[in-house]
Amino acid sequence: MTETDLQYFKVGDTVRVEFTYINGGDFTMTGTIEKISGVGSALSEDSDEASFTVWIIPENTEALSYGMNAVISRMASDGD
């Protein structure tokens, strides 16, 4: 997650997780943010922004493998 996006997520939030596979398929699930790293790393050599690791407890693990990258989205909730 980028430093800019940290303001939109917190531990305990339910999020939508979208995976895109190399072969063109995709998979979407929901999960709960378990932890967000406290120390960021450089996003790229050309950027001043940092990247933070996010750990998510998935609702289902059948289609998952370690090390997969994903797009995380906030779930709509009352009052947001």
PDB file of N, CA and C in Angstrom:
ATOM      1  N   MET A   1       0.850  -1.155   0.000  1.00  0.00           N
ATOM      2  CA  MET A   1       0.000   0.000   0.000  1.00  0.00           C
ATOM      3  C   MET A   1       0.906   1.231   0.000  1.00  0.00           C
ATOM      4  N   THR A   2       0.529   2.241  -0.732  1.00  0.00           N
ATOM      5  CA  THR A   2       1.335   3.452  -0.758  1.00  0.00           C
ATOM      6  C   THR A   2       1.074   4.309   0.478  1.00  0.00           C
ATOM      7  N   GLU A   3       2.025   5.164   0.767  1.00  0.00           N
ATOM      8  CA  GLU A   3       1.916   6.066   1.912  1.00  0.00           C
ATOM      9  C   GLU A   3       0.659   6.927   1.814  1.00  0.00           C
ATOM     10  N   THR A   4       0.332   7.357   0.620  1.00  0.00           N
ATOM     11  CA  THR A   4      -0.860   8.174   0.394  1.00  0.00           C
ATOM     12  C   THR A   4      -2.138   7.429   0.776  1.00  0.00           C
ATOM     13  N   ASP A   5      -2.177   6.111   0.521  1.00  0.00           N
ATOM     14  CA  ASP A   5      -3.372   5.309   0.794  1.00  0.00           C
ATOM     15  C   ASP A   5      -3.531   4.915   2.259  1.00  0.00           C
ATOM     16  N   LEU A   6      -2.500   5.080   3.077  1.00  0.00           N
ATOM     17  CA  LEU A   6      -2.578   4.704   4.492  1.00  0.00           C
ATOM     18  C   LEU A   6      -3.744   5.369   5.215  1.00  0.00           C
ATOM     19  N   GLN A   7      -4.080   6.590   4.819  1.00  0.00           N
ATOM     20  CA  GLN A   7      -5.153   7.324   5.491  1.00  0.00           C
ATOM     21  C   GLN A   7      -6.524   6.666   5.314  1.00  0.00           C
ATOM     22  N   TYR A   8      -6.668   5.802   4.316  1.00  0.00           N
ATOM     23  CA  TYR A   8      -7.966   5.204   4.015  1.00  0.00           C
ATOM     24  C   TYR A   8      -8.173   3.833   4.654  1.00  0.00           C
ATOM     25  N   PHE A   9      -7.124   3.236   5.239  1.00  0.00           N
ATOM     26  CA  PHE A   9      -7.210   1.875   5.759  1.00  0.00           C
ATOM     27  C   PHE A   9      -6.698   1.811   7.186  1.00  0.00           C
ATOM     28  N   LYS A  10      -7.291   0.899   7.979  1.00  0.00           N
ATOM     29  CA  LYS A  10      -6.799   0.659   9.338  1.00  0.00           C
ATOM     30  C   LYS A  10      -7.007  -0.811   9.688  1.00  0.00           C
ATOM     31  N   VAL A  11      -6.289  -1.280  10.682  1.00  0.00           N
ATOM     32  CA  VAL A  11      -6.434  -2.655  11.146  1.00  0.00           C
ATOM     33  C   VAL A  11      -7.888  -2.882  11.550  1.00  0.00           C
ATOM     34  N   GLY A  12      -8.437  -4.013  11.130  1.00  0.00           N
ATOM     35  CA  GLY A  12      -9.831  -4.348  11.422  1.00  0.00           C
ATOM     36  C   GLY A  12     -10.792  -4.037  10.295  1.00  0.00           C
ATOM     37  N   ASP A  13     -10.369  -3.224   9.318  1.00  0.00           N
ATOM     38  CA  ASP A  13     -11.234  -2.903   8.180  1.00  0.00           C
ATOM     39  C   ASP A  13     -11.484  -4.140   7.324  1.00  0.00           C
ATOM     40  N   THR A  14     -12.701  -4.266   6.807  1.00  0.00           N
ATOM     41  CA  THR A  14     -13.009  -5.282   5.807  1.00  0.00           C
ATOM     42  C   THR A  14     -12.715  -4.670   4.447  1.00  0.00           C
ATOM     43  N   VAL A  15     -11.974  -5.398   3.625  1.00  0.00           N
ATOM     44  CA  VAL A  15     -11.561  -4.886   2.324  1.00  0.00           C
ATOM     45  C   VAL A  15     -11.873  -5.894   1.223  1.00  0.00           C
ATOM     46  N   ARG A  16     -11.967  -5.387  -0.004  1.00  0.00           N
ATOM     47  CA  ARG A  16     -12.103  -6.233  -1.186  1.00  0.00           C
ATOM     48  C   ARG A  16     -10.702  -6.404  -1.763  1.00  0.00           C
ATOM     49  N   VAL A  17     -10.347  -7.631  -2.093  1.00  0.00           N
ATOM     50  CA  VAL A  17      -9.018  -7.951  -2.607  1.00  0.00           C
ATOM     51  C   VAL A  17      -9.189  -8.513  -4.015  1.00  0.00           C
ATOM     52  N   GLU A  18      -8.542  -7.872  -4.993  1.00  0.00           N
ATOM     53  CA  GLU A  18      -8.635  -8.305  -6.386  1.00  0.00           C
ATOM     54  C   GLU A  18      -7.272  -8.801  -6.853  1.00  0.00           C
ATOM     55  N   PHE A  19      -7.214 -10.059  -7.265  1.00  0.00           N
ATOM     56  CA  PHE A  19      -5.999 -10.656  -7.786  1.00  0.00           C
ATOM     57  C   PHE A  19      -6.116 -10.764  -9.295  1.00  0.00           C
ATOM     58  N   THR A  20      -5.050 -10.468 -10.017  1.00  0.00           N
ATOM     59  CA  THR A  20      -5.010 -10.653 -11.461  1.00  0.00           C
ATOM     60  C   THR A  20      -3.885 -11.621 -11.768  1.00  0.00           C
ATOM     61  N   TYR A  21      -4.206 -12.720 -12.398  1.00  0.00           N
ATOM     62  CA  TYR A  21      -3.227 -13.745 -12.710  1.00  0.00           C
ATOM     63  C   TYR A  21      -2.529 -13.442 -14.024  1.00  0.00           C
ATOM     64  N   ILE A  22      -1.332 -13.941 -14.161  1.00  0.00           N
ATOM     65  CA  ILE A  22      -0.535 -13.726 -15.364  1.00  0.00           C
ATOM     66  C   ILE A  22      -1.259 -14.225 -16.612  1.00  0.00           C
ATOM     67  N   ASN A  23      -2.000 -15.313 -16.500  1.00  0.00           N
ATOM     68  CA  ASN A  23      -2.679 -15.880 -17.665  1.00  0.00           C
ATOM     69  C   ASN A  23      -3.969 -15.154 -18.029  1.00  0.00           C
ATOM     70  N   GLY A  24      -4.257 -14.031 -17.387  1.00  0.00           N
ATOM     71  CA  GLY A  24      -5.415 -13.221 -17.757  1.00  0.00           C
ATOM     72  C   GLY A  24      -6.651 -13.445 -16.915  1.00  0.00           C
ATOM     73  N   GLY A  25      -6.656 -14.430 -16.036  1.00  0.00           N
ATOM     74  CA  GLY A  25      -7.812 -14.651 -15.180  1.00  0.00           C
ATOM     75  C   GLY A  25      -7.759 -13.725 -13.979  1.00  0.00           C
ATOM     76  N   ASP A  26      -8.852 -13.647 -13.253  1.00  0.00           N
ATOM     77  CA  ASP A  26      -8.851 -12.837 -12.036  1.00  0.00           C
ATOM     78  C   ASP A  26      -9.723 -13.485 -10.976  1.00  0.00           C
ATOM     79  N   PHE A  27      -9.574 -13.003  -9.749  1.00  0.00           N
ATOM     80  CA  PHE A  27     -10.272 -13.562  -8.599  1.00  0.00           C
ATOM     81  C   PHE A  27     -10.472 -12.435  -7.601  1.00  0.00           C
ATOM     82  N   THR A  28     -11.680 -12.300  -7.047  1.00  0.00           N
ATOM     83  CA  THR A  28     -11.974 -11.269  -6.062  1.00  0.00           C
ATOM     84  C   THR A  28     -12.531 -11.924  -4.802  1.00  0.00           C
ATOM     85  N   MET A  29     -12.103 -11.419  -3.636  1.00  0.00           N
ATOM     86  CA  MET A  29     -12.578 -11.927  -2.353  1.00  0.00           C
ATOM     87  C   MET A  29     -12.587 -10.793  -1.351  1.00  0.00           C
ATOM     88  N   THR A  30     -13.114 -11.037  -0.175  1.00  0.00           N
ATOM     89  CA  THR A  30     -13.027 -10.060   0.900  1.00  0.00           C
ATOM     90  C   THR A  30     -12.143 -10.625   2.006  1.00  0.00           C
ATOM     91  N   GLY A  31     -11.650  -9.716   2.832  1.00  0.00           N
ATOM     92  CA  GLY A  31     -10.808 -10.100   3.948  1.00  0.00           C
ATOM     93  C   GLY A  31     -10.768  -8.966   4.958  1.00  0.00           C
ATOM     94  N   THR A  32     -10.064  -9.199   6.053  1.00  0.00           N
ATOM     95  CA  THR A  32      -9.933  -8.213   7.121  1.00  0.00           C
ATOM     96  C   THR A  32      -8.467  -7.860   7.299  1.00  0.00           C
ATOM     97  N   ILE A  33      -8.169  -6.574   7.384  1.00  0.00           N
ATOM     98  CA  ILE A  33      -6.786  -6.151   7.587  1.00  0.00           C
ATOM     99  C   ILE A  33      -6.348  -6.558   8.991  1.00  0.00           C
ATOM    100  N   GLU A  34      -5.311  -7.367   9.053  1.00  0.00           N
ATOM    101  CA  GLU A  34      -4.780  -7.846  10.324  1.00  0.00           C
ATOM    102  C   GLU A  34      -3.650  -6.951  10.825  1.00  0.00           C
ATOM    103  N   LYS A  35      -2.806  -6.465   9.900  1.00  0.00           N
ATOM    104  CA  LYS A  35      -1.623  -5.691  10.285  1.00  0.00           C
ATOM    105  C   LYS A  35      -1.163  -4.843   9.113  1.00  0.00           C
ATOM    106  N   ILE A  36      -0.616  -3.673   9.415  1.00  0.00           N
ATOM    107  CA  ILE A  36       0.016  -2.805   8.420  1.00  0.00           C
ATOM    108  C   ILE A  36       1.422  -2.527   8.931  1.00  0.00           C
ATOM    109  N   SER A  37       2.422  -2.737   8.077  1.00  0.00           N
ATOM    110  CA  SER A  37       3.799  -2.532   8.528  1.00  0.00           C
ATOM    111  C   SER A  37       3.996  -1.111   9.032  1.00  0.00           C
ATOM    112  N   GLY A  38       4.819  -0.974  10.069  1.00  0.00           N
ATOM    113  CA  GLY A  38       5.085   0.335  10.657  1.00  0.00           C
ATOM    114  C   GLY A  38       6.218   1.077   9.968  1.00  0.00           C
ATOM    115  N   VAL A  39       6.956   0.358   9.128  1.00  0.00           N
ATOM    116  CA  VAL A  39       8.088   0.954   8.424  1.00  0.00           C
ATOM    117  C   VAL A  39       7.887   0.736   6.934  1.00  0.00           C
ATOM    118  N   GLY A  40       7.972   1.800   6.185  1.00  0.00           N
ATOM    119  CA  GLY A  40       7.803   1.711   4.745  1.00  0.00           C
ATOM    120  C   GLY A  40       9.134   1.521   4.045  1.00  0.00           C
ATOM    121  N   SER A  41       9.060   1.169   2.779  1.00  0.00           N
ATOM    122  CA  SER A  41      10.248   1.077   1.940  1.00  0.00           C
ATOM    123  C   SER A  41      10.004   1.924   0.699  1.00  0.00           C
ATOM    124  N   ALA A  42      11.083   2.284   0.025  1.00  0.00           N
ATOM    125  CA  ALA A  42      10.974   3.152  -1.143  1.00  0.00           C
ATOM    126  C   ALA A  42      10.085   2.514  -2.195  1.00  0.00           C
ATOM    127  N   LEU A  43       9.136   3.280  -2.696  1.00  0.00           N
ATOM    128  CA  LEU A  43       8.236   2.796  -3.736  1.00  0.00           C
ATOM    129  C   LEU A  43       9.003   2.604  -5.047  1.00  0.00           C
ATOM    130  N   SER A  44       9.859   3.563  -5.369  1.00  0.00           N
ATOM    131  CA  SER A  44      10.727   3.482  -6.548  1.00  0.00           C
ATOM    132  C   SER A  44      11.847   4.504  -6.383  1.00  0.00           C
ATOM    133  N   GLU A  45      12.843   4.393  -7.222  1.00  0.00           N
ATOM    134  CA  GLU A  45      13.969   5.333  -7.159  1.00  0.00           C
ATOM    135  C   GLU A  45      13.543   6.755  -7.491  1.00  0.00           C
ATOM    136  N   ASP A  46      12.503   6.894  -8.300  1.00  0.00           N
ATOM    137  CA  ASP A  46      12.060   8.207  -8.771  1.00  0.00           C
ATOM    138  C   ASP A  46      10.976   8.837  -7.904  1.00  0.00           C
ATOM    139  N   SER A  47      10.588   8.177  -6.807  1.00  0.00           N
ATOM    140  CA  SER A  47       9.485   8.660  -5.993  1.00  0.00           C
ATOM    141  C   SER A  47       9.925   8.920  -4.556  1.00  0.00           C
ATOM    142  N   ASP A  48       9.324   9.927  -3.946  1.00  0.00           N
ATOM    143  CA  ASP A  48       9.565  10.202  -2.531  1.00  0.00           C
ATOM    144  C   ASP A  48       8.581   9.426  -1.653  1.00  0.00           C
ATOM    145  N   GLU A  49       7.628   8.738  -2.277  1.00  0.00           N
ATOM    146  CA  GLU A  49       6.596   8.030  -1.533  1.00  0.00           C
ATOM    147  C   GLU A  49       7.085   6.648  -1.095  1.00  0.00           C
ATOM    148  N   ALA A  50       6.591   6.197   0.056  1.00  0.00           N
ATOM    149  CA  ALA A  50       6.952   4.883   0.586  1.00  0.00           C
ATOM    150  C   ALA A  50       5.825   3.886   0.336  1.00  0.00           C
ATOM    151  N   SER A  51       6.179   2.611   0.398  1.00  0.00           N
ATOM    152  CA  SER A  51       5.240   1.512   0.253  1.00  0.00           C
ATOM    153  C   SER A  51       5.211   0.728   1.566  1.00  0.00           C
ATOM    154  N   PHE A  52       4.021   0.328   2.008  1.00  0.00           N
ATOM    155  CA  PHE A  52       3.850  -0.400   3.265  1.00  0.00           C
ATOM    156  C   PHE A  52       3.207  -1.753   2.987  1.00  0.00           C
ATOM    157  N   THR A  53       3.662  -2.786   3.678  1.00  0.00           N
ATOM    158  CA  THR A  53       3.098  -4.123   3.537  1.00  0.00           C
ATOM    159  C   THR A  53       1.835  -4.221   4.383  1.00  0.00           C
ATOM    160  N   VAL A  54       0.803  -4.870   3.817  1.00  0.00           N
ATOM    161  CA  VAL A  54      -0.474  -5.053   4.500  1.00  0.00           C
ATOM    162  C   VAL A  54      -0.744  -6.553   4.587  1.00  0.00           C
ATOM    163  N   TRP A  55      -1.081  -7.031   5.787  1.00  0.00           N
ATOM    164  CA  TRP A  55      -1.446  -8.428   5.994  1.00  0.00           C
ATOM    165  C   TRP A  55      -2.958  -8.492   6.125  1.00  0.00           C
ATOM    166  N   ILE A  56      -3.576  -9.388   5.354  1.00  0.00           N
ATOM    167  CA  ILE A  56      -5.031  -9.517   5.330  1.00  0.00           C
ATOM    168  C   ILE A  56      -5.417 -10.957   5.639  1.00  0.00           C
ATOM    169  N   ILE A  57      -6.404 -11.126   6.516  1.00  0.00           N
ATOM    170  CA  ILE A  57      -6.965 -12.449   6.780  1.00  0.00           C
ATOM    171  C   ILE A  57      -8.067 -12.666   5.745  1.00  0.00           C
ATOM    172  N   PRO A  58      -7.866 -13.595   4.804  1.00  0.00           N
ATOM    173  CA  PRO A  58      -8.850 -13.802   3.740  1.00  0.00           C
ATOM    174  C   PRO A  58     -10.056 -14.598   4.214  1.00  0.00           C
ATOM    175  N   GLU A  59     -11.187 -14.386   3.545  1.00  0.00           N
ATOM    176  CA  GLU A  59     -12.384 -15.159   3.843  1.00  0.00           C
ATOM    177  C   GLU A  59     -12.243 -16.595   3.351  1.00  0.00           C
ATOM    178  N   ASN A  60     -11.418 -16.794   2.323  1.00  0.00           N
ATOM    179  CA  ASN A  60     -11.243 -18.105   1.716  1.00  0.00           C
ATOM    180  C   ASN A  60      -9.830 -18.171   1.132  1.00  0.00           C
ATOM    181  N   THR A  61      -9.141 -19.269   1.302  1.00  0.00           N
ATOM    182  CA  THR A  61      -7.752 -19.370   0.840  1.00  0.00           C
ATOM    183  C   THR A  61      -7.548 -20.334  -0.320  1.00  0.00           C
ATOM    184  N   GLU A  62      -8.606 -20.895  -0.860  1.00  0.00           N
ATOM    185  CA  GLU A  62      -8.488 -21.928  -1.892  1.00  0.00           C
ATOM    186  C   GLU A  62      -7.695 -21.496  -3.125  1.00  0.00           C
ATOM    187  N   ALA A  63      -7.862 -20.268  -3.599  1.00  0.00           N
ATOM    188  CA  ALA A  63      -7.222 -19.831  -4.842  1.00  0.00           C
ATOM    189  C   ALA A  63      -5.952 -19.013  -4.596  1.00  0.00           C
ATOM    190  N   LEU A  64      -5.457 -19.007  -3.361  1.00  0.00           N
ATOM    191  CA  LEU A  64      -4.324 -18.149  -3.026  1.00  0.00           C
ATOM    192  C   LEU A  64      -3.013 -18.914  -2.945  1.00  0.00           C
ATOM    193  N   SER A  65      -1.923 -18.196  -3.245  1.00  0.00           N
ATOM    194  CA  SER A  65      -0.564 -18.705  -3.084  1.00  0.00           C
ATOM    195  C   SER A  65       0.248 -17.626  -2.392  1.00  0.00           C
ATOM    196  N   TYR A  66       1.286 -18.019  -1.655  1.00  0.00           N
ATOM    197  CA  TYR A  66       2.148 -17.051  -0.993  1.00  0.00           C
ATOM    198  C   TYR A  66       2.795 -16.123  -2.006  1.00  0.00           C
ATOM    199  N   GLY A  67       2.892 -14.848  -1.634  1.00  0.00           N
ATOM    200  CA  GLY A  67       3.592 -13.869  -2.457  1.00  0.00           C
ATOM    201  C   GLY A  67       2.772 -13.222  -3.550  1.00  0.00           C
ATOM    202  N   MET A  68       1.473 -13.494  -3.609  1.00  0.00           N
ATOM    203  CA  MET A  68       0.640 -12.889  -4.649  1.00  0.00           C
ATOM    204  C   MET A  68       0.455 -11.400  -4.372  1.00  0.00           C
ATOM    205  N   ASN A  69       0.445 -10.611  -5.424  1.00  0.00           N
ATOM    206  CA  ASN A  69       0.145  -9.185  -5.321  1.00  0.00           C
ATOM    207  C   ASN A  69      -1.328  -8.973  -5.626  1.00  0.00           C
ATOM    208  N   ALA A  70      -1.889  -7.902  -5.048  1.00  0.00           N
ATOM    209  CA  ALA A  70      -3.318  -7.670  -5.208  1.00  0.00           C
ATOM    210  C   ALA A  70      -3.626  -6.183  -5.151  1.00  0.00           C
ATOM    211  N   VAL A  71      -4.814  -5.828  -5.603  1.00  0.00           N
ATOM    212  CA  VAL A  71      -5.347  -4.480  -5.464  1.00  0.00           C
ATOM    213  C   VAL A  71      -6.358  -4.539  -4.328  1.00  0.00           C
ATOM    214  N   ILE A  72      -6.189  -3.653  -3.330  1.00  0.00           N
ATOM    215  CA  ILE A  72      -7.055  -3.631  -2.155  1.00  0.00           C
ATOM    216  C   ILE A  72      -7.991  -2.439  -2.253  1.00  0.00           C
ATOM    217  N   SER A  73      -9.279  -2.662  -2.007  1.00  0.00           N
ATOM    218  CA  SER A  73     -10.280  -1.594  -2.062  1.00  0.00           C
ATOM    219  C   SER A  73     -11.075  -1.574  -0.780  1.00  0.00           C
ATOM    220  N   ARG A  74     -11.481  -0.378  -0.360  1.00  0.00           N
ATOM    221  CA  ARG A  74     -12.343  -0.249   0.819  1.00  0.00           C
ATOM    222  C   ARG A  74     -13.723  -0.769   0.486  1.00  0.00           C
ATOM    223  N   MET A  75     -14.361  -1.349   1.484  1.00  0.00           N
ATOM    224  CA  MET A  75     -15.743  -1.780   1.351  1.00  0.00           C
ATOM    225  C   MET A  75     -16.627  -0.614   1.776  1.00  0.00           C
ATOM    226  N   ALA A  76     -17.741  -0.410   1.101  1.00  0.00           N
ATOM    227  CA  ALA A  76     -18.675   0.643   1.490  1.00  0.00           C
ATOM    228  C   ALA A  76     -19.282   0.278   2.831  1.00  0.00           C
ATOM    229  N   SER A  77     -19.438   1.278   3.696  1.00  0.00           N
ATOM    230  CA  SER A  77     -20.072   1.037   4.999  1.00  0.00           C
ATOM    231  C   SER A  77     -20.949   2.214   5.345  1.00  0.00           C
ATOM    232  N   ASP A  78     -21.818   2.013   6.311  1.00  0.00           N
ATOM    233  CA  ASP A  78     -22.687   3.102   6.748  1.00  0.00           C
ATOM    234  C   ASP A  78     -21.853   4.242   7.296  1.00  0.00           C
ATOM    235  N   GLY A  79     -22.111   5.452   6.880  1.00  0.00           N
ATOM    236  CA  GLY A  79     -21.398   6.620   7.378  1.00  0.00           C
ATOM    237  C   GLY A  79     -20.158   6.986   6.586  1.00  0.00           C
ATOM    238  N   ASP A  80     -19.770   6.177   5.609  1.00  0.00           N
ATOM    239  CA  ASP A  80     -18.599   6.506   4.771  1.00  0.00           C
ATOM    240  C   ASP A  80     -19.032   7.007   3.426  1.00  0.00           C
TER     241      ASP A  80
END
